[in-house]
Amino acid sequence: LDLGTLSSNNYAFNLINGNLKVTQASLKIIAENKSKTYGQSNPELTYTFSGFANNETYGVSSGVTGTPVLATSVTAATAVGTYPVTISVGTLASTNYNFIMANGGLRVTKATLNVTAQNASRVYGSANPSFSVRFSGYKHGDTTSTAVTGAATVSTTATVDSSVGNYPIIPAL
């Protein structure tokens, strides 16, 4: 210890050291939010760090080693919705940091189902026939009876008076 400018006419100074305890800084490990379309494989689950001290980054300079473990229950067949992505310490280790884990989410969005109007024909002067549609693009064994409710509306610009030619058959929801 250094006395600096301390002085006394009546006392001598006895210098006694104190103790400065340096504790671990908190380092947040965050599971990044992801999204995917129903029927697709899961995207790669990733994470980021927040809170490194002294301009450090992951690796040797920070003394942080190992990797966290990311997990989700989502599969290619999981229904539309948002599901947790959990993150745990895994093999992460550090002398200078304690870890705070922050879970993320995996959002499953709707897949596209094609609704195709089926071709039809009629004789000039006759009424239009009944129209139908065909669905395509199902995932994981889904079918019209298991994945679709209601019916598509199908129309055409052709009337009983329309001349010979081709007219669009238009599906609508």
C-alpha atoms as a PDB file:
ATOM      1  CA  LEU A   1       0.000   0.000   0.000  1.00  0.00           C
ATOM      2  CA  ASP A   2       1.103   3.539  -0.704  1.00  0.00           C
ATOM      3  CA  LEU A   3       0.472   6.294   1.859  1.00  0.00           C
ATOM      4  CA  GLY A   4       0.037   8.894  -0.830  1.00  0.00           C
ATOM      5  CA  THR A   5      -0.327  12.274   0.961  1.00  0.00           C
ATOM      6  CA  LEU A   6      -1.317  10.853   4.382  1.00  0.00           C
ATOM      7  CA  SER A   7       0.658  12.251   7.307  1.00  0.00           C
ATOM      8  CA  SER A   8       0.199  12.657  11.061  1.00  0.00           C
ATOM      9  CA  ASN A   9       2.239  14.279  13.831  1.00  0.00           C
ATOM     10  CA  ASN A  10       0.890  11.867  16.429  1.00  0.00           C
ATOM     11  CA  TYR A  11       0.474   8.592  14.534  1.00  0.00           C
ATOM     12  CA  ALA A  12       2.440   6.125  12.524  1.00  0.00           C
ATOM     13  CA  PHE A  13       0.434   4.255   9.956  1.00  0.00           C
ATOM     14  CA  ASN A  14       0.045   0.463   9.864  1.00  0.00           C
ATOM     15  CA  LEU A  15      -0.936  -0.524   6.308  1.00  0.00           C
ATOM     16  CA  ILE A  16      -3.289  -3.537   6.116  1.00  0.00           C
ATOM     17  CA  ASN A  17      -4.268  -4.956   2.733  1.00  0.00           C
ATOM     18  CA  GLY A  18      -7.919  -5.559   1.828  1.00  0.00           C
ATOM     19  CA  ASN A  19      -9.302  -8.055  -0.668  1.00  0.00           C
ATOM     20  CA  LEU A  20     -11.012  -7.266  -3.999  1.00  0.00           C
ATOM     21  CA  LYS A  21     -13.116 -10.165  -5.136  1.00  0.00           C
ATOM     22  CA  VAL A  22     -13.777 -10.349  -8.911  1.00  0.00           C
ATOM     23  CA  THR A  23     -16.890 -12.399  -9.633  1.00  0.00           C
ATOM     24  CA  GLN A  24     -18.135 -13.938 -12.837  1.00  0.00           C
ATOM     25  CA  ALA A  25     -19.958 -11.761 -15.335  1.00  0.00           C
ATOM     26  CA  SER A  26     -23.277 -12.994 -16.689  1.00  0.00           C
ATOM     27  CA  LEU A  27     -23.265 -14.167 -20.304  1.00  0.00           C
ATOM     28  CA  LYS A  28     -26.613 -14.734 -21.980  1.00  0.00           C
ATOM     29  CA  ILE A  29     -26.883 -17.564 -24.507  1.00  0.00           C
ATOM     30  CA  ILE A  30     -29.969 -17.077 -26.659  1.00  0.00           C
ATOM     31  CA  ALA A  31     -31.688 -19.696 -28.830  1.00  0.00           C
ATOM     32  CA  GLU A  32     -32.518 -17.803 -32.008  1.00  0.00           C
ATOM     33  CA  ASN A  33     -36.133 -17.781 -33.204  1.00  0.00           C
ATOM     34  CA  LYS A  34     -36.728 -19.691 -36.433  1.00  0.00           C
ATOM     35  CA  SER A  35     -39.605 -20.489 -38.761  1.00  0.00           C
ATOM     36  CA  LYS A  36     -40.444 -23.168 -41.275  1.00  0.00           C
ATOM     37  CA  THR A  37     -43.330 -24.261 -43.459  1.00  0.00           C
ATOM     38  CA  TYR A  38     -45.491 -27.229 -42.448  1.00  0.00           C
ATOM     39  CA  GLY A  39     -44.060 -30.373 -44.016  1.00  0.00           C
ATOM     40  CA  GLN A  40     -40.481 -29.123 -44.248  1.00  0.00           C
ATOM     41  CA  SER A  41     -37.543 -30.363 -42.231  1.00  0.00           C
ATOM     42  CA  ASN A  42     -36.526 -28.210 -39.301  1.00  0.00           C
ATOM     43  CA  PRO A  43     -34.044 -25.418 -39.971  1.00  0.00           C
ATOM     44  CA  GLU A  44     -30.677 -25.547 -38.240  1.00  0.00           C
ATOM     45  CA  LEU A  45     -31.132 -24.430 -34.639  1.00  0.00           C
ATOM     46  CA  THR A  46     -28.659 -21.678 -33.757  1.00  0.00           C
ATOM     47  CA  TYR A  47     -27.764 -19.447 -30.833  1.00  0.00           C
ATOM     48  CA  THR A  48     -26.068 -16.141 -30.086  1.00  0.00           C
ATOM     49  CA  PHE A  49     -24.191 -14.705 -27.132  1.00  0.00           C
ATOM     50  CA  SER A  50     -24.947 -11.408 -25.400  1.00  0.00           C
ATOM     51  CA  GLY A  51     -22.907  -9.824 -22.639  1.00  0.00           C
ATOM     52  CA  PHE A  52     -19.240 -10.543 -23.271  1.00  0.00           C
ATOM     53  CA  ALA A  53     -17.003  -8.240 -21.208  1.00  0.00           C
ATOM     54  CA  ASN A  54     -13.880  -6.413 -22.417  1.00  0.00           C
ATOM     55  CA  ASN A  55     -14.836  -6.693 -26.116  1.00  0.00           C
ATOM     56  CA  GLU A  56     -14.311 -10.452 -25.943  1.00  0.00           C
ATOM     57  CA  THR A  57     -15.927 -12.904 -28.312  1.00  0.00           C
ATOM     58  CA  TYR A  58     -16.670 -16.604 -28.132  1.00  0.00           C
ATOM     59  CA  GLY A  59     -13.527 -18.703 -28.038  1.00  0.00           C
ATOM     60  CA  VAL A  60     -10.053 -18.646 -26.600  1.00  0.00           C
ATOM     61  CA  SER A  61      -9.956 -14.887 -25.899  1.00  0.00           C
ATOM     62  CA  SER A  62     -12.998 -15.085 -23.612  1.00  0.00           C
ATOM     63  CA  GLY A  63     -12.181 -18.428 -22.061  1.00  0.00           C
ATOM     64  CA  VAL A  64     -15.629 -19.730 -23.046  1.00  0.00           C
ATOM     65  CA  THR A  65     -15.411 -23.239 -24.470  1.00  0.00           C
ATOM     66  CA  GLY A  66     -17.877 -25.908 -25.520  1.00  0.00           C
ATOM     67  CA  THR A  67     -21.326 -25.573 -27.005  1.00  0.00           C
ATOM     68  CA  PRO A  68     -24.881 -25.419 -25.687  1.00  0.00           C
ATOM     69  CA  VAL A  69     -27.536 -27.990 -26.551  1.00  0.00           C
ATOM     70  CA  LEU A  70     -30.593 -26.870 -28.549  1.00  0.00           C
ATOM     71  CA  ALA A  71     -33.750 -28.980 -28.773  1.00  0.00           C
ATOM     72  CA  THR A  72     -37.328 -28.839 -30.042  1.00  0.00           C
ATOM     73  CA  SER A  73     -40.174 -31.324 -30.290  1.00  0.00           C
ATOM     74  CA  VAL A  74     -41.097 -30.031 -33.767  1.00  0.00           C
ATOM     75  CA  THR A  75     -40.968 -32.488 -36.678  1.00  0.00           C
ATOM     76  CA  ALA A  76     -41.872 -32.106 -40.340  1.00  0.00           C
ATOM     77  CA  ALA A  77     -45.404 -33.288 -39.439  1.00  0.00           C
ATOM     78  CA  THR A  78     -45.959 -30.843 -36.535  1.00  0.00           C
ATOM     79  CA  ALA A  79     -49.071 -28.686 -36.995  1.00  0.00           C
ATOM     80  CA  VAL A  80     -49.009 -24.937 -37.612  1.00  0.00           C
ATOM     81  CA  GLY A  81     -48.147 -22.986 -34.462  1.00  0.00           C
ATOM     82  CA  THR A  82     -45.202 -21.745 -32.413  1.00  0.00           C
ATOM     83  CA  TYR A  83     -43.201 -24.196 -30.332  1.00  0.00           C
ATOM     84  CA  PRO A  84     -40.318 -23.788 -27.879  1.00  0.00           C
ATOM     85  CA  VAL A  85     -36.676 -24.233 -28.761  1.00  0.00           C
ATOM     86  CA  THR A  86     -34.942 -25.015 -25.488  1.00  0.00           C
ATOM     87  CA  ILE A  87     -31.314 -24.286 -24.808  1.00  0.00           C
ATOM     88  CA  SER A  88     -29.186 -25.820 -22.076  1.00  0.00           C
ATOM     89  CA  VAL A  89     -25.561 -25.424 -21.024  1.00  0.00           C
ATOM     90  CA  GLY A  90     -24.372 -28.594 -22.753  1.00  0.00           C
ATOM     91  CA  THR A  91     -20.562 -28.533 -22.695  1.00  0.00           C
ATOM     92  CA  LEU A  92     -20.212 -24.762 -22.200  1.00  0.00           C
ATOM     93  CA  ALA A  93     -17.574 -23.883 -19.615  1.00  0.00           C
ATOM     94  CA  SER A  94     -15.948 -20.677 -18.410  1.00  0.00           C
ATOM     95  CA  THR A  95     -14.064 -19.331 -15.442  1.00  0.00           C
ATOM     96  CA  ASN A  96     -15.057 -15.703 -16.083  1.00  0.00           C
ATOM     97  CA  TYR A  97     -18.739 -16.092 -16.953  1.00  0.00           C
ATOM     98  CA  ASN A  98     -21.879 -17.649 -15.537  1.00  0.00           C
ATOM     99  CA  PHE A  99     -24.413 -18.609 -18.167  1.00  0.00           C
ATOM    100  CA  ILE A 100     -27.994 -17.438 -18.466  1.00  0.00           C
ATOM    101  CA  MET A 101     -29.943 -19.492 -20.975  1.00  0.00           C
ATOM    102  CA  ALA A 102     -32.785 -17.939 -23.010  1.00  0.00           C
ATOM    103  CA  ASN A 103     -35.129 -20.235 -24.954  1.00  0.00           C
ATOM    104  CA  GLY A 104     -36.362 -19.346 -28.422  1.00  0.00           C
ATOM    105  CA  GLY A 105     -39.242 -20.433 -30.620  1.00  0.00           C
ATOM    106  CA  LEU A 106     -39.827 -22.333 -33.846  1.00  0.00           C
ATOM    107  CA  ARG A 107     -42.834 -21.110 -35.799  1.00  0.00           C
ATOM    108  CA  VAL A 108     -44.505 -23.544 -38.205  1.00  0.00           C
ATOM    109  CA  THR A 109     -46.373 -21.726 -40.972  1.00  0.00           C
ATOM    110  CA  LYS A 110     -48.978 -23.040 -43.412  1.00  0.00           C
ATOM    111  CA  ALA A 111     -47.873 -24.981 -46.475  1.00  0.00           C
ATOM    112  CA  THR A 112     -49.385 -24.102 -49.844  1.00  0.00           C
ATOM    113  CA  LEU A 113     -52.091 -26.382 -51.178  1.00  0.00           C
ATOM    114  CA  ASN A 114     -52.849 -26.030 -54.888  1.00  0.00           C
ATOM    115  CA  VAL A 115     -56.533 -25.839 -55.848  1.00  0.00           C
ATOM    116  CA  THR A 116     -56.804 -26.578 -59.573  1.00  0.00           C
ATOM    117  CA  ALA A 117     -60.078 -26.230 -61.478  1.00  0.00           C
ATOM    118  CA  GLN A 118     -60.656 -29.345 -63.576  1.00  0.00           C
ATOM    119  CA  ASN A 119     -61.145 -28.891 -67.305  1.00  0.00           C
ATOM    120  CA  ALA A 120     -64.689 -29.376 -68.596  1.00  0.00           C
ATOM    121  CA  SER A 121     -66.616 -29.078 -71.847  1.00  0.00           C
ATOM    122  CA  ARG A 122     -70.146 -28.634 -73.084  1.00  0.00           C
ATOM    123  CA  VAL A 123     -72.040 -28.252 -76.333  1.00  0.00           C
ATOM    124  CA  TYR A 124     -72.902 -24.764 -77.626  1.00  0.00           C
ATOM    125  CA  GLY A 125     -76.301 -23.656 -76.294  1.00  0.00           C
ATOM    126  CA  SER A 126     -76.226 -26.081 -73.315  1.00  0.00           C
ATOM    127  CA  ALA A 127     -75.986 -25.140 -69.662  1.00  0.00           C
ATOM    128  CA  ASN A 128     -72.590 -25.208 -67.987  1.00  0.00           C
ATOM    129  CA  PRO A 129     -71.757 -28.527 -66.306  1.00  0.00           C
ATOM    130  CA  SER A 130     -70.901 -28.860 -62.638  1.00  0.00           C
ATOM    131  CA  PHE A 131     -67.294 -27.888 -62.043  1.00  0.00           C
ATOM    132  CA  SER A 132     -64.817 -29.544 -59.716  1.00  0.00           C
ATOM    133  CA  VAL A 133     -61.359 -28.922 -58.324  1.00  0.00           C
ATOM    134  CA  ARG A 134     -58.354 -31.082 -57.577  1.00  0.00           C
ATOM    135  CA  PHE A 135     -56.081 -30.466 -54.596  1.00  0.00           C
ATOM    136  CA  SER A 136     -52.339 -31.106 -54.725  1.00  0.00           C
ATOM    137  CA  GLY A 137     -49.400 -30.414 -52.477  1.00  0.00           C
ATOM    138  CA  TYR A 138     -50.423 -32.396 -49.411  1.00  0.00           C
ATOM    139  CA  LYS A 139     -47.751 -33.273 -46.839  1.00  0.00           C
ATOM    140  CA  HIS A 140     -47.345 -36.340 -44.618  1.00  0.00           C
ATOM    141  CA  GLY A 141     -50.253 -38.375 -45.909  1.00  0.00           C
ATOM    142  CA  ASP A 142     -52.800 -35.592 -45.479  1.00  0.00           C
ATOM    143  CA  THR A 143     -55.835 -35.834 -47.754  1.00  0.00           C
ATOM    144  CA  THR A 144     -58.767 -33.644 -48.654  1.00  0.00           C
ATOM    145  CA  SER A 145     -60.918 -35.455 -46.092  1.00  0.00           C
ATOM    146  CA  THR A 146     -58.340 -35.066 -43.282  1.00  0.00           C
ATOM    147  CA  ALA A 147     -56.946 -31.601 -43.970  1.00  0.00           C
ATOM    148  CA  VAL A 148     -59.630 -29.535 -45.745  1.00  0.00           C
ATOM    149  CA  THR A 149     -63.067 -28.421 -44.647  1.00  0.00           C
ATOM    150  CA  GLY A 150     -65.688 -26.692 -46.745  1.00  0.00           C
ATOM    151  CA  ALA A 151     -65.691 -26.472 -50.521  1.00  0.00           C
ATOM    152  CA  ALA A 152     -64.132 -24.281 -53.154  1.00  0.00           C
ATOM    153  CA  THR A 153     -66.402 -22.188 -55.337  1.00  0.00           C
ATOM    154  CA  VAL A 154     -65.834 -22.650 -59.057  1.00  0.00           C
ATOM    155  CA  SER A 155     -67.152 -20.321 -61.746  1.00  0.00           C
ATOM    156  CA  THR A 156     -66.722 -19.381 -65.394  1.00  0.00           C
ATOM    157  CA  THR A 157     -67.429 -16.380 -67.539  1.00  0.00           C
ATOM    158  CA  ALA A 158     -69.181 -18.637 -70.098  1.00  0.00           C
ATOM    159  CA  THR A 159     -72.973 -18.510 -70.224  1.00  0.00           C
ATOM    160  CA  VAL A 160     -75.496 -20.567 -72.181  1.00  0.00           C
ATOM    161  CA  ASP A 161     -75.214 -17.915 -74.941  1.00  0.00           C
ATOM    162  CA  SER A 162     -71.380 -17.975 -75.144  1.00  0.00           C
ATOM    163  CA  SER A 163     -69.855 -18.660 -78.551  1.00  0.00           C
ATOM    164  CA  VAL A 164     -67.693 -21.687 -79.259  1.00  0.00           C
ATOM    165  CA  GLY A 165     -64.257 -21.168 -77.662  1.00  0.00           C
ATOM    166  CA  ASN A 166     -62.314 -21.577 -74.464  1.00  0.00           C
ATOM    167  CA  TYR A 167     -63.349 -19.864 -71.230  1.00  0.00           C
ATOM    168  CA  PRO A 168     -61.544 -19.860 -67.888  1.00  0.00           C
ATOM    169  CA  ILE A 169     -62.819 -22.030 -65.068  1.00  0.00           C
ATOM    170  CA  ILE A 170     -61.878 -20.144 -61.919  1.00  0.00           C
ATOM    171  CA  PRO A 171     -61.592 -21.646 -58.418  1.00  0.00           C
ATOM    172  CA  ALA A 172     -62.197 -19.373 -55.418  1.00  0.00           C
ATOM    173  CA  LEU A 173     -62.169 -19.884 -51.682  1.00  0.00           C
END
